[in-house]
Amino acid sequence: MKIRPSGLLLLLLLSALAFTACPTTNPKKDSKKAGHTPPPPGEEQADIDFQAFIGRLRRAVKAHDLNTVASMMSPDFGYVLGATAAEDRSGQGVFQYWDENGLWPELEGILAEKFVRKDDFMVAPPQFADPSAEYTGYRAGIRRVNGSWKFVYFVNG
């Protein structure tokens, strides 16, 4: 059997088309490997800017990036609740307070929790939003301030 050059060319083109048309990897598996971790279930998944904010905050706290964390906080950030209003602490001094009391790991742990809505705040851990739980441990609050998400408190009590 004799193959003409035009037939050989056609055979090569068909072979190339057949091999390039078949996917060699599963795109669903590859998307999971991209480094994107989905938010925990129930965590305002529809609010993309909240997810971006909380992801950035978690990374900044883990890295102890004070400038980034400070840029994400409200100016009157609350960090100590006292028995009276005079004992409440907010604003300046928060990083020194966290350093002196070894609170960075606690903050990192609370921020790793699922955030849920409580009034006009997103709070973690979710037990804090449940009135029947009577939660009194550390908690974090985030809310929109002038259209942007801000880290507004991390307190115990």
N, C-alpha and C. Protein backbone atom coordinates (compact mmCIF):
# COMPACT_ATOMS: atom_id res chain seq x y z
N MET A 1 0.84 -1.17 0.00
CA MET A 1 0.00 0.00 0.00
C MET A 1 0.89 1.23 0.00
N LYS A 2 0.60 2.09 -0.90
CA LYS A 2 1.38 3.29 -1.06
C LYS A 2 0.60 4.49 -0.51
N ILE A 3 1.26 5.28 0.38
CA ILE A 3 0.59 6.46 0.97
C ILE A 3 1.14 7.70 0.27
N ARG A 4 0.24 8.51 -0.19
CA ARG A 4 0.63 9.76 -0.84
C ARG A 4 1.01 10.79 0.23
N PRO A 5 1.85 11.75 -0.11
CA PRO A 5 2.24 12.78 0.86
C PRO A 5 1.04 13.54 1.42
N SER A 6 0.03 13.80 0.63
CA SER A 6 -1.14 14.53 1.14
C SER A 6 -1.92 13.66 2.14
N GLY A 7 -1.93 12.35 1.94
CA GLY A 7 -2.59 11.43 2.86
C GLY A 7 -1.84 11.35 4.18
N LEU A 8 -0.50 11.36 4.08
CA LEU A 8 0.34 11.34 5.28
C LEU A 8 0.12 12.61 6.10
N LEU A 9 0.06 13.73 5.44
CA LEU A 9 -0.20 15.00 6.12
C LEU A 9 -1.56 14.99 6.80
N LEU A 10 -2.57 14.48 6.11
CA LEU A 10 -3.91 14.39 6.69
C LEU A 10 -3.91 13.47 7.91
N LEU A 11 -3.21 12.35 7.83
CA LEU A 11 -3.11 11.42 8.95
C LEU A 11 -2.43 12.06 10.15
N LEU A 12 -1.35 12.81 9.93
CA LEU A 12 -0.66 13.52 11.00
C LEU A 12 -1.55 14.58 11.65
N LEU A 13 -2.28 15.32 10.84
CA LEU A 13 -3.18 16.35 11.37
C LEU A 13 -4.30 15.74 12.21
N LEU A 14 -4.87 14.65 11.74
CA LEU A 14 -5.93 13.98 12.50
C LEU A 14 -5.39 13.41 13.81
N SER A 15 -4.18 12.87 13.79
CA SER A 15 -3.56 12.35 15.02
C SER A 15 -3.33 13.48 16.01
N ALA A 16 -2.80 14.60 15.53
CA ALA A 16 -2.54 15.74 16.40
C ALA A 16 -3.84 16.26 17.01
N LEU A 17 -4.88 16.34 16.20
CA LEU A 17 -6.17 16.80 16.69
C LEU A 17 -6.73 15.85 17.75
N ALA A 18 -6.60 14.57 17.54
CA ALA A 18 -7.12 13.58 18.49
C ALA A 18 -6.40 13.68 19.83
N PHE A 19 -5.08 13.87 19.80
CA PHE A 19 -4.32 13.92 21.05
C PHE A 19 -4.49 15.24 21.80
N THR A 20 -4.71 16.33 21.09
CA THR A 20 -4.87 17.62 21.77
C THR A 20 -6.29 17.86 22.24
N ALA A 21 -7.24 17.14 21.72
CA ALA A 21 -8.63 17.34 22.10
C ALA A 21 -8.98 16.65 23.41
N CYS A 22 -8.17 15.70 23.85
CA CYS A 22 -8.48 14.96 25.07
C CYS A 22 -7.80 15.60 26.27
N PRO A 23 -8.57 15.99 27.29
CA PRO A 23 -7.92 16.55 28.47
C PRO A 23 -7.15 15.47 29.21
N THR A 24 -5.98 15.85 29.71
CA THR A 24 -5.15 14.87 30.43
C THR A 24 -5.27 15.01 31.93
N THR A 25 -5.87 16.10 32.39
CA THR A 25 -6.04 16.30 33.83
C THR A 25 -7.48 16.66 34.13
N ASN A 26 -7.87 16.46 35.36
CA ASN A 26 -9.22 16.79 35.80
C ASN A 26 -9.22 18.24 36.29
N PRO A 27 -9.91 19.17 35.63
CA PRO A 27 -9.89 20.58 36.04
C PRO A 27 -10.45 20.79 37.45
N LYS A 28 -11.35 19.92 37.90
CA LYS A 28 -11.89 20.08 39.25
C LYS A 28 -10.81 19.81 40.29
N LYS A 29 -9.97 18.81 40.05
CA LYS A 29 -8.88 18.53 40.98
C LYS A 29 -7.86 19.64 40.98
N ASP A 30 -7.55 20.18 39.80
CA ASP A 30 -6.56 21.24 39.70
C ASP A 30 -7.01 22.51 40.42
N SER A 31 -8.30 22.82 40.40
CA SER A 31 -8.77 24.02 41.07
C SER A 31 -8.63 23.91 42.58
N LYS A 32 -8.68 22.70 43.12
CA LYS A 32 -8.50 22.52 44.56
C LYS A 32 -7.05 22.70 44.97
N LYS A 33 -6.13 22.47 44.05
CA LYS A 33 -4.71 22.59 44.34
C LYS A 33 -4.22 24.03 44.23
N ALA A 34 -5.04 24.94 43.77
CA ALA A 34 -4.60 26.30 43.50
C ALA A 34 -4.26 27.10 44.74
N GLY A 35 -4.47 26.57 45.93
CA GLY A 35 -4.11 27.28 47.14
C GLY A 35 -5.28 28.03 47.77
N HIS A 36 -6.41 28.02 47.14
CA HIS A 36 -7.58 28.70 47.68
C HIS A 36 -8.31 27.77 48.64
N THR A 37 -8.45 28.21 49.87
CA THR A 37 -9.20 27.41 50.83
C THR A 37 -10.58 28.01 50.97
N PRO A 38 -11.60 27.21 50.83
CA PRO A 38 -12.96 27.73 50.91
C PRO A 38 -13.26 28.18 52.34
N PRO A 39 -14.15 29.17 52.50
CA PRO A 39 -14.51 29.61 53.85
C PRO A 39 -15.25 28.51 54.59
N PRO A 40 -15.18 28.52 55.91
CA PRO A 40 -15.93 27.55 56.67
C PRO A 40 -17.43 27.67 56.38
N PRO A 41 -18.19 26.58 56.46
CA PRO A 41 -19.62 26.62 56.17
C PRO A 41 -20.34 27.64 57.06
N GLY A 42 -21.26 28.37 56.47
CA GLY A 42 -22.07 29.33 57.22
C GLY A 42 -21.42 30.69 57.36
N GLU A 43 -20.24 30.88 56.83
CA GLU A 43 -19.51 32.13 57.01
C GLU A 43 -19.77 33.07 55.85
N GLU A 44 -20.84 33.77 55.83
CA GLU A 44 -21.17 34.78 54.83
C GLU A 44 -20.48 34.53 53.49
N GLN A 45 -20.73 33.39 52.91
CA GLN A 45 -20.05 33.00 51.69
C GLN A 45 -20.40 33.90 50.51
N ALA A 46 -21.53 34.53 50.54
CA ALA A 46 -21.93 35.38 49.44
C ALA A 46 -21.19 36.71 49.46
N ASP A 47 -20.63 37.09 50.58
CA ASP A 47 -19.97 38.38 50.71
C ASP A 47 -18.48 38.23 50.40
N ILE A 48 -18.13 38.41 49.16
CA ILE A 48 -16.76 38.20 48.72
C ILE A 48 -15.81 39.17 49.39
N ASP A 49 -16.20 40.42 49.56
CA ASP A 49 -15.26 41.37 50.18
C ASP A 49 -15.04 41.05 51.66
N PHE A 50 -16.03 40.47 52.33
CA PHE A 50 -15.79 40.03 53.72
C PHE A 50 -14.78 38.90 53.74
N GLN A 51 -14.93 37.94 52.84
CA GLN A 51 -14.00 36.82 52.78
C GLN A 51 -12.59 37.30 52.49
N ALA A 52 -12.45 38.26 51.59
CA ALA A 52 -11.13 38.80 51.28
C ALA A 52 -10.56 39.50 52.51
N PHE A 53 -11.40 40.27 53.20
CA PHE A 53 -10.96 40.99 54.40
C PHE A 53 -10.49 40.01 55.48
N ILE A 54 -11.29 39.02 55.80
CA ILE A 54 -10.95 38.10 56.89
C ILE A 54 -9.72 37.27 56.52
N GLY A 55 -9.57 36.90 55.26
CA GLY A 55 -8.38 36.17 54.83
C GLY A 55 -7.13 37.01 55.00
N ARG A 56 -7.22 38.26 54.61
CA ARG A 56 -6.08 39.17 54.75
C ARG A 56 -5.76 39.42 56.23
N LEU A 57 -6.79 39.58 57.06
CA LEU A 57 -6.58 39.79 58.49
C LEU A 57 -5.92 38.57 59.13
N ARG A 58 -6.39 37.38 58.78
CA ARG A 58 -5.81 36.15 59.34
C ARG A 58 -4.33 36.04 58.99
N ARG A 59 -3.99 36.34 57.73
CA ARG A 59 -2.58 36.27 57.32
C ARG A 59 -1.74 37.31 58.04
N ALA A 60 -2.26 38.51 58.19
CA ALA A 60 -1.51 39.59 58.84
C ALA A 60 -1.27 39.27 60.32
N VAL A 61 -2.28 38.74 61.00
CA VAL A 61 -2.12 38.39 62.42
C VAL A 61 -1.12 37.25 62.56
N LYS A 62 -1.22 36.26 61.69
CA LYS A 62 -0.29 35.12 61.76
C LYS A 62 1.15 35.59 61.58
N ALA A 63 1.36 36.57 60.70
CA ALA A 63 2.69 37.10 60.42
C ALA A 63 3.11 38.21 61.38
N HIS A 64 2.23 38.61 62.29
CA HIS A 64 2.45 39.73 63.21
C HIS A 64 2.79 41.00 62.41
N ASP A 65 2.10 41.20 61.31
CA ASP A 65 2.30 42.37 60.46
C ASP A 65 1.49 43.53 61.05
N LEU A 66 2.13 44.28 61.95
CA LEU A 66 1.44 45.33 62.69
C LEU A 66 0.86 46.41 61.78
N ASN A 67 1.58 46.78 60.74
CA ASN A 67 1.08 47.84 59.85
C ASN A 67 -0.21 47.41 59.14
N THR A 68 -0.23 46.18 58.65
CA THR A 68 -1.43 45.71 57.96
C THR A 68 -2.59 45.55 58.94
N VAL A 69 -2.32 44.96 60.10
CA VAL A 69 -3.39 44.79 61.09
C VAL A 69 -3.93 46.16 61.50
N ALA A 70 -3.04 47.12 61.76
CA ALA A 70 -3.47 48.46 62.16
C ALA A 70 -4.33 49.11 61.08
N SER A 71 -4.00 48.90 59.82
CA SER A 71 -4.78 49.51 58.73
C SER A 71 -6.16 48.88 58.63
N MET A 72 -6.35 47.71 59.19
CA MET A 72 -7.63 47.00 59.11
C MET A 72 -8.50 47.25 60.34
N MET A 73 -7.97 47.94 61.34
CA MET A 73 -8.71 48.19 62.59
C MET A 73 -9.43 49.53 62.54
N SER A 74 -10.48 49.62 63.32
CA SER A 74 -11.15 50.91 63.48
C SER A 74 -10.29 51.77 64.44
N PRO A 75 -10.39 53.10 64.34
CA PRO A 75 -9.58 53.96 65.22
C PRO A 75 -9.88 53.76 66.71
N ASP A 76 -11.10 53.37 67.03
CA ASP A 76 -11.47 53.16 68.44
C ASP A 76 -11.53 51.67 68.78
N PHE A 77 -10.61 50.88 68.21
CA PHE A 77 -10.58 49.44 68.40
C PHE A 77 -10.64 49.10 69.88
N GLY A 78 -11.56 48.21 70.27
CA GLY A 78 -11.72 47.82 71.66
C GLY A 78 -10.92 46.55 71.97
N TYR A 79 -10.12 46.59 73.06
CA TYR A 79 -9.33 45.41 73.39
C TYR A 79 -9.39 44.99 74.85
N VAL A 80 -10.03 45.77 75.73
CA VAL A 80 -10.23 45.35 77.12
C VAL A 80 -11.60 45.84 77.56
N LEU A 81 -12.40 44.92 78.12
CA LEU A 81 -13.66 45.30 78.74
C LEU A 81 -13.44 45.31 80.24
N GLY A 82 -13.87 46.37 80.90
CA GLY A 82 -13.70 46.45 82.35
C GLY A 82 -15.03 46.47 83.05
N ALA A 83 -14.96 46.54 84.36
CA ALA A 83 -16.18 46.59 85.17
C ALA A 83 -16.90 47.92 84.98
N THR A 84 -16.15 48.95 84.67
CA THR A 84 -16.76 50.27 84.44
C THR A 84 -16.27 50.80 83.09
N ALA A 85 -16.95 51.79 82.60
CA ALA A 85 -16.57 52.37 81.31
C ALA A 85 -15.16 52.97 81.38
N ALA A 86 -14.75 53.47 82.55
CA ALA A 86 -13.41 54.06 82.70
C ALA A 86 -12.32 53.00 82.54
N GLU A 87 -12.64 51.73 82.80
CA GLU A 87 -11.64 50.66 82.69
C GLU A 87 -11.57 50.07 81.29
N ASP A 88 -12.55 50.38 80.44
CA ASP A 88 -12.49 49.89 79.06
C ASP A 88 -11.29 50.52 78.37
N ARG A 89 -10.63 49.73 77.53
CA ARG A 89 -9.50 50.26 76.78
C ARG A 89 -9.81 50.13 75.30
N SER A 90 -9.51 51.18 74.58
CA SER A 90 -9.68 51.16 73.13
C SER A 90 -8.67 52.12 72.53
N GLY A 91 -8.49 52.00 71.21
CA GLY A 91 -7.57 52.89 70.51
C GLY A 91 -6.12 52.45 70.64
N GLN A 92 -5.25 53.39 70.98
CA GLN A 92 -3.80 53.15 71.05
C GLN A 92 -3.43 52.13 72.12
N GLY A 93 -2.32 51.46 71.92
CA GLY A 93 -1.79 50.55 72.93
C GLY A 93 -2.18 49.10 72.77
N VAL A 94 -2.96 48.77 71.77
CA VAL A 94 -3.45 47.41 71.62
C VAL A 94 -2.33 46.41 71.36
N PHE A 95 -1.37 46.75 70.50
CA PHE A 95 -0.30 45.80 70.19
C PHE A 95 0.59 45.55 71.40
N GLN A 96 0.86 46.59 72.16
CA GLN A 96 1.65 46.43 73.39
C GLN A 96 0.89 45.53 74.37
N TYR A 97 -0.41 45.74 74.49
CA TYR A 97 -1.24 44.93 75.38
C TYR A 97 -1.20 43.45 74.95
N TRP A 98 -1.33 43.20 73.63
CA TRP A 98 -1.29 41.83 73.14
C TRP A 98 0.07 41.19 73.40
N ASP A 99 1.15 41.97 73.20
CA ASP A 99 2.50 41.44 73.45
C ASP A 99 2.69 41.12 74.92
N GLU A 100 2.33 42.06 75.80
CA GLU A 100 2.53 41.88 77.24
C GLU A 100 1.73 40.70 77.79
N ASN A 101 0.58 40.44 77.23
CA ASN A 101 -0.29 39.38 77.73
C ASN A 101 -0.26 38.11 76.88
N GLY A 102 0.65 38.04 75.92
CA GLY A 102 0.78 36.85 75.08
C GLY A 102 -0.50 36.48 74.34
N LEU A 103 -1.20 37.47 73.80
CA LEU A 103 -2.51 37.22 73.19
C LEU A 103 -2.49 36.96 71.69
N TRP A 104 -1.33 37.04 71.05
CA TRP A 104 -1.30 36.79 69.61
C TRP A 104 -1.80 35.39 69.26
N PRO A 105 -1.37 34.34 69.96
CA PRO A 105 -1.90 33.00 69.62
C PRO A 105 -3.42 32.90 69.85
N GLU A 106 -3.91 33.53 70.90
CA GLU A 106 -5.36 33.52 71.17
C GLU A 106 -6.11 34.24 70.06
N LEU A 107 -5.58 35.39 69.64
CA LEU A 107 -6.20 36.14 68.54
C LEU A 107 -6.20 35.32 67.26
N GLU A 108 -5.08 34.68 66.97
CA GLU A 108 -5.00 33.86 65.77
C GLU A 108 -6.03 32.73 65.82
N GLY A 109 -6.18 32.12 66.99
CA GLY A 109 -7.16 31.04 67.14
C GLY A 109 -8.59 31.50 66.96
N ILE A 110 -8.93 32.64 67.53
CA ILE A 110 -10.30 33.17 67.40
C ILE A 110 -10.57 33.56 65.95
N LEU A 111 -9.60 34.17 65.28
CA LEU A 111 -9.80 34.55 63.88
C LEU A 111 -9.92 33.34 62.96
N ALA A 112 -9.40 32.20 63.38
CA ALA A 112 -9.52 30.97 62.59
C ALA A 112 -10.92 30.37 62.69
N GLU A 113 -11.70 30.81 63.67
CA GLU A 113 -13.06 30.30 63.86
C GLU A 113 -13.98 30.81 62.75
N LYS A 114 -15.13 30.18 62.66
CA LYS A 114 -16.17 30.61 61.73
C LYS A 114 -16.76 31.93 62.22
N PHE A 115 -17.00 32.87 61.33
CA PHE A 115 -17.64 34.14 61.65
C PHE A 115 -19.12 34.04 61.32
N VAL A 116 -19.96 34.56 62.20
CA VAL A 116 -21.41 34.58 61.99
C VAL A 116 -21.93 35.99 62.29
N ARG A 117 -23.10 36.25 61.77
CA ARG A 117 -23.70 37.57 61.98
C ARG A 117 -24.31 37.68 63.37
N LYS A 118 -24.05 38.82 64.03
CA LYS A 118 -24.70 39.17 65.29
C LYS A 118 -24.97 40.66 65.21
N ASP A 119 -26.23 41.01 65.09
CA ASP A 119 -26.65 42.40 64.87
C ASP A 119 -25.94 42.92 63.62
N ASP A 120 -25.22 44.06 63.73
CA ASP A 120 -24.52 44.57 62.54
C ASP A 120 -23.04 44.20 62.54
N PHE A 121 -22.67 43.19 63.30
CA PHE A 121 -21.30 42.70 63.37
C PHE A 121 -21.21 41.30 62.79
N MET A 122 -20.01 40.94 62.36
CA MET A 122 -19.64 39.56 62.09
C MET A 122 -18.74 39.18 63.26
N VAL A 123 -19.08 38.12 63.97
CA VAL A 123 -18.35 37.77 65.19
C VAL A 123 -17.83 36.33 65.14
N ALA A 124 -16.76 36.11 65.89
CA ALA A 124 -16.21 34.77 66.07
C ALA A 124 -15.77 34.67 67.52
N PRO A 125 -15.92 33.55 68.14
CA PRO A 125 -16.47 32.30 67.65
C PRO A 125 -17.99 32.38 67.57
N PRO A 126 -18.61 31.44 66.86
CA PRO A 126 -20.06 31.49 66.69
C PRO A 126 -20.85 31.36 67.99
N GLN A 127 -20.25 30.77 69.03
CA GLN A 127 -20.94 30.63 70.31
C GLN A 127 -21.31 31.99 70.90
N PHE A 128 -20.50 33.01 70.59
CA PHE A 128 -20.78 34.35 71.11
C PHE A 128 -22.09 34.90 70.57
N ALA A 129 -22.47 34.51 69.37
CA ALA A 129 -23.71 35.00 68.77
C ALA A 129 -24.94 34.26 69.28
N ASP A 130 -24.73 33.14 69.97
CA ASP A 130 -25.83 32.32 70.47
C ASP A 130 -26.12 32.71 71.93
N PRO A 131 -27.26 33.38 72.19
CA PRO A 131 -27.57 33.83 73.55
C PRO A 131 -27.69 32.68 74.56
N SER A 132 -28.06 31.50 74.08
CA SER A 132 -28.22 30.38 75.00
C SER A 132 -26.87 29.81 75.46
N ALA A 133 -25.80 30.13 74.75
CA ALA A 133 -24.48 29.59 75.08
C ALA A 133 -23.83 30.33 76.25
N GLU A 134 -24.23 31.57 76.50
CA GLU A 134 -23.65 32.40 77.55
C GLU A 134 -22.13 32.41 77.49
N TYR A 135 -21.59 32.63 76.31
CA TYR A 135 -20.15 32.60 76.05
C TYR A 135 -19.48 33.82 76.68
N THR A 136 -18.39 33.60 77.40
CA THR A 136 -17.69 34.71 78.06
C THR A 136 -16.20 34.75 77.73
N GLY A 137 -15.73 33.96 76.77
CA GLY A 137 -14.31 33.93 76.42
C GLY A 137 -13.94 35.04 75.44
N TYR A 138 -12.77 34.92 74.86
CA TYR A 138 -12.32 35.89 73.86
C TYR A 138 -13.23 35.84 72.64
N ARG A 139 -13.41 37.00 72.04
CA ARG A 139 -14.24 37.12 70.85
C ARG A 139 -13.75 38.28 69.99
N ALA A 140 -14.00 38.17 68.73
CA ALA A 140 -13.60 39.20 67.78
C ALA A 140 -14.83 39.70 67.05
N GLY A 141 -14.82 40.98 66.73
CA GLY A 141 -15.93 41.59 66.00
C GLY A 141 -15.42 42.40 64.82
N ILE A 142 -16.12 42.25 63.72
CA ILE A 142 -15.80 42.97 62.48
C ILE A 142 -17.10 43.56 61.97
N ARG A 143 -17.05 44.78 61.48
CA ARG A 143 -18.26 45.36 60.89
C ARG A 143 -17.88 46.38 59.84
N ARG A 144 -18.88 46.74 59.07
CA ARG A 144 -18.66 47.76 58.04
C ARG A 144 -18.63 49.14 58.69
N VAL A 145 -17.60 49.89 58.35
CA VAL A 145 -17.45 51.27 58.80
C VAL A 145 -17.22 52.10 57.55
N ASN A 146 -18.13 53.01 57.27
CA ASN A 146 -18.06 53.84 56.06
C ASN A 146 -17.88 53.01 54.80
N GLY A 147 -18.58 51.89 54.72
CA GLY A 147 -18.57 51.06 53.52
C GLY A 147 -17.47 50.02 53.44
N SER A 148 -16.53 50.03 54.39
CA SER A 148 -15.43 49.07 54.37
C SER A 148 -15.46 48.22 55.63
N TRP A 149 -15.01 46.97 55.53
CA TRP A 149 -14.93 46.12 56.70
C TRP A 149 -13.79 46.60 57.59
N LYS A 150 -14.03 46.62 58.91
CA LYS A 150 -13.02 47.00 59.89
C LYS A 150 -13.06 46.03 61.05
N PHE A 151 -11.89 45.71 61.56
CA PHE A 151 -11.72 44.91 62.76
C PHE A 151 -11.97 45.86 63.93
N VAL A 152 -13.06 45.68 64.68
CA VAL A 152 -13.44 46.68 65.67
C VAL A 152 -13.21 46.26 67.13
N TYR A 153 -13.12 44.96 67.41
CA TYR A 153 -12.80 44.57 68.78
C TYR A 153 -12.27 43.15 68.87
N PHE A 154 -11.46 42.95 69.89
CA PHE A 154 -11.01 41.62 70.32
C PHE A 154 -10.92 41.71 71.84
N VAL A 155 -11.91 41.14 72.51
CA VAL A 155 -12.03 41.30 73.95
C VAL A 155 -12.33 39.96 74.63
N ASN A 156 -12.18 39.94 75.92
CA ASN A 156 -12.49 38.77 76.74
C ASN A 156 -13.51 39.21 77.78
N GLY A 157 -14.47 38.34 78.05
CA GLY A 157 -15.38 38.66 79.14
C GLY A 157 -16.82 38.66 78.81
